[in-house]
Structure formats: C-alpha cells, structure tokens
Amino acid sequence: MVAPKPGFRGFHWKLGVGERRTLLLIGDLIVATLSLAIALYAWGTSERFTGFSVEFLQKRVPMWFYLMPLVWLILMVELYDVHRASDWTETMRGVGIAALLGVILYLALYFYYYQPPKSLLPRLGVATFVVTVSILTLIWRRVYIHLFTAPHLMRRVLLVGGGSSGQLLLKEINNLKIKPFVLVGIIDDDHRKLGKFVEKHQVIGSSEHLLKIIKDNKISDVIVAITGEMQGTMFQALLDAQELGVEIIRMPTIYEELLGRVPILSLEANWILRSFVDEVQISGFYLLGKRLLDIIGGLIGSLIFLLLLPFIALVTVVDDGFPIFYSQTRFGRGGQPYGIVKFRTMSRDAEPDGQPRWASEDDERATRSGRLLRKTHLDELPQFLNVLRGDMSLVGPRAERPELVEYFQSHIPFYRARLLVKPGITGWAQVNYGYASTIEETITKLEYDLYYIKHRSVITDLVILLRTPATVFGFRGR
C-alpha cells in the first residue's frame, strides 16, 4: 500500500468492528481473571485448616476451577456481537443469561458427580465467582459503552453512491439502534442529487470534492456503493483517498461486517459463483470435522430427547390430545426430500385446506403447550435422529417444505443457494433472527443463511452452537 502523504493524518487508530470485538474479549478476560482471584481468596479464607495459602491452592483447588474465566468467555459469546455489546439492555440480558447458564452447568455437575459421601464441589468459590464476574462484567461493559461508543472514538465515514445499493445500506444503518460509525454524508456524481437527502442523509458533494471533504471532516473510511459503472474521475478520487490513508470498503463487505448478512437485493447474477466457487474452499477436514460434530451432538441430543419425551408427551396429550408427533417432507442438501419428525405444536386442523402456511409470532394455530415448545425450540428435539441419519446437520439453514421452497424461489433471488448445504437444527439465521412470516422477513433470513454458507467453518459452527442456549433461554422462538 502507498504510504500516506505528508501533512495528512491517517485514521487507523479508530476502532473498527474487529478491533472492538478484540477489546471486549481482552476486557472480559481481565475481569474474569480478577473474579477468579477474588473467588479463590473468599474460598481460601473460609477453609478451617489451610486458610488462603499455597497449600490450599495446590491441594484443595481442582484444576477445572482455574478454567472458569475461559468458561465465562464462552458463555458470553452472544455479547461479542459489537451491536449487542453497544446496547445496555442487551448487555444486561446477555450477562444474566451467561450467569444462569453457568449456574445450571454447575448444578448439573454437582448432582451428577458429587454425591455424599464424596467431597462436595466448592459452592462458596463458584458462587463468589459467578456473582463477582457478573457485577464486574456489567461495570466493565458499562465503561465500554460510555467510552468506546462515543463519537470521538467512532470511525467517520463517507458513502459513495446514493443509488439503490447505497439506499439499501442506509436503510439498514438507520434501523440499527446503536450506530456503528458517524456517517458524515453521501458523495454522488449525479449533480441532481447534490444537497438532497437520501434515507435521511445528505448528498454533500461529488468526486471532485471527495478529497477536500475527507480532509475537512477527518474521514477514516469511504464505503463504495456505486450502482452501475464507475466514472473515471470517481475511480481516481478513490485511489487518491486511499493514498491519504483512508480505508476504502465495498458496500457488500461492510454490509456483511455490520449485519452478519449478505445483501442479496444488490448482488450481481455471478455472485454465487464468485462467493461459493472462487472464494470458498471447503476442505475435506472441515467436512470430516463437521460430521464428527454432528454424530457427537446427535447422540447427546437424542439422549436429551429420550429423557424429555415422557414429560413433553404428557403435557401435549393433556393439553390437546394425540398425536404427540407430526411428520413432514422437507428439502435437504441439493433439494433431496427427506422426512422429519417434530413434537406437535399446532392444533390438529392447522391446515384444513392442505395449503402450507407460514408460522407467525403468537400463531393462533399453536396449542398452549405448543407455544412453550416453540418458544424454547424443544419441538425440534426429534430432529436429532435426522442428524444421526445424515439428513441434517447440527448447524445449517432451516429445513423448508418443498412447496415453500418452490414459492420462495420464484419470488426471492438466490433462494435455492441455501440448498448447497444440509439443513440444520440450529443455524446462523436461527440464532440471529428466528422464524420468518413474510417475504421481507424471508429475504432477511436468507441473507443470514447465505452469509453462513459463505463463511462456514468448524469455528463458526461452534460459535452458533454456543449461542443456541441463549436463544432457548431467551425464549426467542415463535
């Protein structure tokens, strides 16, 4: 890259999405380590014989206790989304869910492994850690929100292009509760737009004004969202801006970075080939690792299914009678049909005319027990058998009925691309969005699905699996 020209200050110190996520991770690790030290001291001083001493640390504290800061970071996985991390309400909710999951995990270990007359688990140490780390994390996250989302530490951005692509990005930015950067204005070579507002943001100049606007407004990033062919003067102006140390970002790239989705309404026809053939190289090791993960998860999930089956069956029968299960045909990878079995959550005459209908929030067709099963996603448990059979994966797009796939394919671009991978019990769209009941919502959900397909990896799958309990305990189903 060409070095910045003398006399103009670069803006690389401004915090981007990746830098903010790293900052959050480091801060949480420091807080969790401090909480561990406090928990060890509180536990040690309560010991009658050893007290807080080297002997106590070596002989009384089990090795797993020192790993609790790492466990806490894993439980906090939902709050490494920088948009959630910038929202105080989401932060309190996320910390609360992490603490709840930690307590549930501890109780499960306590009652399973440590029955009298065996040694008891360190209740005081664990309780002190959970309380301390929750309080200190909330304090740290409050400081983060106050300091690192302040305008003077946010990136200052220009948007180049006020056409359909730029408008799509602006609509999504306007819908965000917490803004990811300071958008100074729009640059567009259509002089009829000069001074006018596009999605509440003003067109403040053209390519000939770009460098001056960058210097006067201390711009750190330029987002290029040009619909159609770029003029030579604009191309040269962008190159000059890059020489000044300004970061040039394409609209689809920033859309993916900010939203975790791909902008299917502004993509070109050859995007599928570029994204899923040229750019994505899926190795055999990933496929092997994913299948091993599916088998392990499928066995665990099937065990949970068998344990909960009597209780769910009883509640379903008492509430609405038989049957307990229902089966449907769904499309798998490559459009291959297969049969799924789920716990019944709808009334027995949910589709009297035989026509498939979308599930909506507080769907009137759902039974009382069905609403709870759908909210907690417990109705999905029988599908772990499909995972073991290889019809499905733990992680992937939601399986859809053939009739709906055909309908969506005729109304939504790139819809069939979601069939490039196996459907999943959970997925990137499920943990970020949930159900869809309109074409517009289905488009948004497809954007999440295609983002996952483009960026899928074992790490991505693990992150989605770790975020799934928060979705269940957050009651975000329909």
Foldseek 3Di string as FASTA:
>chain_A
DAAADPPFDADVQFDALVNLLVVLLVQLLVQLQVLLVVLLQVLQCVDPPRRNDPCCVVPVDDPVSNCVSVLLSLQLLVCSQVLLLLDLVSLLLSLVSSLVVLVVVVVVCQVPPPDPPRDGDSPSSSVSSSVSSSVSSSVVSVVCNVPCLDQVRFAEEEEEALDPQVLVLLVVQVPRPRHRHHYQAYEYPPVVQAQHDRSNGHHPYYLVCVVVCCRVVVHQEYEYRHDDDDDPSNVVSVVSVVSNNHHYHYSQVVCCSNPVFGDQVRDDPCVCCCLQPVQDDDDPVQVVVQLVVLQVVLVVLLVVCVVCVVVQCVVCCVFARDDQKDKAWWAWAPRDIDMAIWGDFFHPCLPVVPDDAFDDVVRPRGTPSSLLCQLLVVRLSRCSVVSNVVQAGQEAAATDHPVVLVVLPVPGPPSCVSSNHTHHSWYQLCLRPEGDHDSVSVNRSVRNRVSCSSDPGPVRVSSRVSSSNSSNVVSVGD
